């Protein structure tokens, strides 16, 4: 199993920003599969339950393989995300708030696709260049 993280090169993000955006995408793809449960008297969630597909379980118990690739535009990033959604893959789209870069403008920066079988993800991201 693997996960592919897609980052926009056209934004010329600092390396630290790029790493953070990729990490956000990777975590969000997994955490979006879960749900908070409320168990305290004041209603504050203190338990998180995560649905584990066979692909997620294999990935989490394996090597956590991640491949980082790039696109050159927002349009390309959104197209990858839409294709992953259309294929019913675990995926996430990250929109940065623009507080530290991008002049205060919310900006789409990254997508994570998977975890899933490599041959399934490659149909969506296999043509993209390694970062």
C-alpha atoms as a PDB file:
ATOM      1  CA  UNK A   1       0.000   0.000   0.000  1.00  0.00           C
ATOM      2  CA  UNK A   2       1.074   3.578  -0.489  1.00  0.00           C
ATOM      3  CA  UNK A   3      -0.070   7.158  -0.206  1.00  0.00           C
ATOM      4  CA  UNK A   4       0.799   9.825  -2.757  1.00  0.00           C
ATOM      5  CA  UNK A   5       1.149  13.434  -1.659  1.00  0.00           C
ATOM      6  CA  UNK A   6       0.737  16.018  -4.412  1.00  0.00           C
ATOM      7  CA  UNK A   7       2.156  19.511  -3.887  1.00  0.00           C
ATOM      8  CA  UNK A   8       1.954  22.653  -5.996  1.00  0.00           C
ATOM      9  CA  UNK A   9       5.355  23.783  -7.270  1.00  0.00           C
ATOM     10  CA  UNK A  10       4.005  26.958  -8.866  1.00  0.00           C
ATOM     11  CA  UNK A  11       3.506  28.531  -5.425  1.00  0.00           C
ATOM     12  CA  UNK A  12       7.238  28.482  -4.662  1.00  0.00           C
ATOM     13  CA  UNK A  13       6.548  27.583  -1.040  1.00  0.00           C
ATOM     14  CA  UNK A  14       9.429  27.554   1.409  1.00  0.00           C
ATOM     15  CA  UNK A  15      10.623  24.001   2.076  1.00  0.00           C
ATOM     16  CA  UNK A  16       9.230  24.005   5.603  1.00  0.00           C
ATOM     17  CA  UNK A  17       5.857  25.230   4.362  1.00  0.00           C
ATOM     18  CA  UNK A  18       5.797  22.552   1.680  1.00  0.00           C
ATOM     19  CA  UNK A  19       6.597  19.817   4.205  1.00  0.00           C
ATOM     20  CA  UNK A  20       3.888  21.108   6.556  1.00  0.00           C
ATOM     21  CA  UNK A  21       1.274  21.192   3.801  1.00  0.00           C
ATOM     22  CA  UNK A  22       2.143  17.635   2.746  1.00  0.00           C
ATOM     23  CA  UNK A  23       1.910  16.487   6.366  1.00  0.00           C
ATOM     24  CA  UNK A  24      -1.484  18.174   6.718  1.00  0.00           C
ATOM     25  CA  UNK A  25      -2.715  16.346   3.614  1.00  0.00           C
ATOM     26  CA  UNK A  26      -1.407  12.976   4.762  1.00  0.00           C
ATOM     27  CA  UNK A  27      -2.921  13.234   8.230  1.00  0.00           C
ATOM     28  CA  UNK A  28      -6.229  14.664   7.024  1.00  0.00           C
ATOM     29  CA  UNK A  29      -6.722  11.785   4.584  1.00  0.00           C
ATOM     30  CA  UNK A  30      -6.509   9.361   7.511  1.00  0.00           C
ATOM     31  CA  UNK A  31      -8.249  11.390  10.195  1.00  0.00           C
ATOM     32  CA  UNK A  32     -11.208  12.193   7.930  1.00  0.00           C
ATOM     33  CA  UNK A  33     -12.044   8.481   8.139  1.00  0.00           C
ATOM     34  CA  UNK A  34     -12.726   8.825  11.857  1.00  0.00           C
ATOM     35  CA  UNK A  35     -15.256  10.379  14.169  1.00  0.00           C
ATOM     36  CA  UNK A  36     -15.107  12.003  17.614  1.00  0.00           C
ATOM     37  CA  UNK A  37     -17.309  10.507  20.292  1.00  0.00           C
ATOM     38  CA  UNK A  38     -18.542  12.547  23.252  1.00  0.00           C
ATOM     39  CA  UNK A  39     -18.098  10.911  26.633  1.00  0.00           C
ATOM     40  CA  UNK A  40     -17.510  13.710  29.125  1.00  0.00           C
ATOM     41  CA  UNK A  41     -20.150  15.494  31.186  1.00  0.00           C
ATOM     42  CA  UNK A  42     -19.319  18.837  29.597  1.00  0.00           C
ATOM     43  CA  UNK A  43     -19.666  17.476  26.060  1.00  0.00           C
ATOM     44  CA  UNK A  44     -15.985  17.661  25.141  1.00  0.00           C
ATOM     45  CA  UNK A  45     -14.981  14.804  22.816  1.00  0.00           C
ATOM     46  CA  UNK A  46     -12.394  12.591  24.451  1.00  0.00           C
ATOM     47  CA  UNK A  47     -12.443   9.582  22.176  1.00  0.00           C
ATOM     48  CA  UNK A  48     -11.752   9.210  18.478  1.00  0.00           C
ATOM     49  CA  UNK A  49     -12.829   6.165  16.475  1.00  0.00           C
ATOM     50  CA  UNK A  50     -11.135   5.421  13.151  1.00  0.00           C
ATOM     51  CA  UNK A  51     -12.688   3.302  10.397  1.00  0.00           C
ATOM     52  CA  UNK A  52     -10.005   0.976   9.055  1.00  0.00           C
ATOM     53  CA  UNK A  53     -10.382  -0.250   5.494  1.00  0.00           C
ATOM     54  CA  UNK A  54      -8.171  -3.232   4.636  1.00  0.00           C
ATOM     55  CA  UNK A  55      -5.909  -0.861   2.673  1.00  0.00           C
ATOM     56  CA  UNK A  56      -5.541   1.547   5.601  1.00  0.00           C
ATOM     57  CA  UNK A  57      -4.854  -1.270   8.025  1.00  0.00           C
ATOM     58  CA  UNK A  58      -2.170  -2.755   5.777  1.00  0.00           C
ATOM     59  CA  UNK A  59      -0.570   0.670   5.281  1.00  0.00           C
ATOM     60  CA  UNK A  60      -0.607   1.585   8.976  1.00  0.00           C
ATOM     61  CA  UNK A  61       0.810  -1.786   9.985  1.00  0.00           C
ATOM     62  CA  UNK A  62       3.376  -1.702   7.199  1.00  0.00           C
ATOM     63  CA  UNK A  63       5.913   0.870   6.083  1.00  0.00           C
ATOM     64  CA  UNK A  64       3.658   3.940   5.718  1.00  0.00           C
ATOM     65  CA  UNK A  65       4.973   4.358   2.169  1.00  0.00           C
ATOM     66  CA  UNK A  66       4.523   7.932   0.934  1.00  0.00           C
ATOM     67  CA  UNK A  67       5.492   9.272  -2.471  1.00  0.00           C
ATOM     68  CA  UNK A  68       5.701  13.039  -3.038  1.00  0.00           C
ATOM     69  CA  UNK A  69       4.938  14.393  -6.499  1.00  0.00           C
ATOM     70  CA  UNK A  70       4.185  17.811  -7.917  1.00  0.00           C
ATOM     71  CA  UNK A  71       1.806  19.738 -10.125  1.00  0.00           C
ATOM     72  CA  UNK A  72       2.247  23.181 -11.656  1.00  0.00           C
ATOM     73  CA  UNK A  73      -1.161  24.747 -11.021  1.00  0.00           C
ATOM     74  CA  UNK A  74      -4.252  24.846  -8.866  1.00  0.00           C
ATOM     75  CA  UNK A  75      -6.241  23.380 -11.756  1.00  0.00           C
ATOM     76  CA  UNK A  76      -3.976  20.323 -11.896  1.00  0.00           C
ATOM     77  CA  UNK A  77      -4.182  19.868  -8.116  1.00  0.00           C
ATOM     78  CA  UNK A  78      -7.975  20.054  -8.123  1.00  0.00           C
ATOM     79  CA  UNK A  79      -8.171  17.631 -11.054  1.00  0.00           C
ATOM     80  CA  UNK A  80      -6.106  15.041  -9.151  1.00  0.00           C
ATOM     81  CA  UNK A  81      -8.326  15.459  -6.109  1.00  0.00           C
ATOM     82  CA  UNK A  82     -11.505  15.085  -8.179  1.00  0.00           C
ATOM     83  CA  UNK A  83     -10.204  11.945  -9.896  1.00  0.00           C
ATOM     84  CA  UNK A  84      -9.346  10.411  -6.514  1.00  0.00           C
ATOM     85  CA  UNK A  85     -12.788  11.242  -5.152  1.00  0.00           C
ATOM     86  CA  UNK A  86     -14.460   9.873  -8.291  1.00  0.00           C
ATOM     87  CA  UNK A  87     -12.512   6.619  -7.781  1.00  0.00           C
ATOM     88  CA  UNK A  88     -13.766   6.462  -4.157  1.00  0.00           C
ATOM     89  CA  UNK A  89     -10.236   6.625  -2.795  1.00  0.00           C
ATOM     90  CA  UNK A  90      -9.283   7.993   0.588  1.00  0.00           C
ATOM     91  CA  UNK A  91      -8.074  11.505  -0.212  1.00  0.00           C
ATOM     92  CA  UNK A  92      -7.792  15.009   1.167  1.00  0.00           C
ATOM     93  CA  UNK A  93      -7.461  18.529  -0.196  1.00  0.00           C
ATOM     94  CA  UNK A  94      -5.603  21.166   1.810  1.00  0.00           C
ATOM     95  CA  UNK A  95      -6.418  24.854   1.610  1.00  0.00           C
ATOM     96  CA  UNK A  96      -3.901  26.990   3.479  1.00  0.00           C
ATOM     97  CA  UNK A  97      -5.340  30.012   5.281  1.00  0.00           C
ATOM     98  CA  UNK A  98      -2.663  32.286   3.825  1.00  0.00           C
ATOM     99  CA  UNK A  99      -1.507  33.630   7.190  1.00  0.00           C
ATOM    100  CA  UNK A 100       2.238  33.033   6.690  1.00  0.00           C
ATOM    101  CA  UNK A 101       2.446  32.939   2.891  1.00  0.00           C
ATOM    102  CA  UNK A 102       0.175  33.801  -0.045  1.00  0.00           C
ATOM    103  CA  UNK A 103      -0.605  37.338   1.146  1.00  0.00           C
ATOM    104  CA  UNK A 104      -3.564  36.385   3.309  1.00  0.00           C
ATOM    105  CA  UNK A 105      -5.343  34.638   0.436  1.00  0.00           C
ATOM    106  CA  UNK A 106      -6.654  31.113   1.131  1.00  0.00           C
ATOM    107  CA  UNK A 107      -4.783  28.864  -1.297  1.00  0.00           C
ATOM    108  CA  UNK A 108      -5.052  25.186  -2.273  1.00  0.00           C
ATOM    109  CA  UNK A 109      -1.606  23.693  -1.692  1.00  0.00           C
ATOM    110  CA  UNK A 110      -1.693  19.905  -1.415  1.00  0.00           C
ATOM    111  CA  UNK A 111      -3.628  16.694  -1.942  1.00  0.00           C
ATOM    112  CA  UNK A 112      -3.076  13.253  -0.450  1.00  0.00           C
ATOM    113  CA  UNK A 113      -4.359  10.175  -2.278  1.00  0.00           C
ATOM    114  CA  UNK A 114      -4.562   6.887  -0.411  1.00  0.00           C
ATOM    115  CA  UNK A 115      -3.490   4.737   1.217  1.00  0.00           C
ATOM    116  CA  UNK A 116      -4.470   2.294  -1.476  1.00  0.00           C
ATOM    117  CA  UNK A 117      -2.940  -0.309  -3.741  1.00  0.00           C
ATOM    118  CA  UNK A 118      -0.182   1.206  -5.912  1.00  0.00           C
ATOM    119  CA  UNK A 119      -1.832   0.148  -9.179  1.00  0.00           C
ATOM    120  CA  UNK A 120      -5.020   1.994  -8.197  1.00  0.00           C
ATOM    121  CA  UNK A 121      -3.285   5.213  -7.147  1.00  0.00           C
ATOM    122  CA  UNK A 122      -0.957   5.129 -10.158  1.00  0.00           C
ATOM    123  CA  UNK A 123      -3.956   5.481 -12.492  1.00  0.00           C
ATOM    124  CA  UNK A 124      -4.470   8.942 -10.954  1.00  0.00           C
ATOM    125  CA  UNK A 125      -0.968  10.119 -10.033  1.00  0.00           C
ATOM    126  CA  UNK A 126       1.413   7.918 -12.014  1.00  0.00           C
ATOM    127  CA  UNK A 127       2.034  10.592 -14.647  1.00  0.00           C
ATOM    128  CA  UNK A 128       3.180  13.220 -12.117  1.00  0.00           C
ATOM    129  CA  UNK A 129       6.862  14.066 -11.534  1.00  0.00           C
ATOM    130  CA  UNK A 130       8.557  13.232  -8.268  1.00  0.00           C
ATOM    131  CA  UNK A 131       9.097  16.249  -6.053  1.00  0.00           C
END
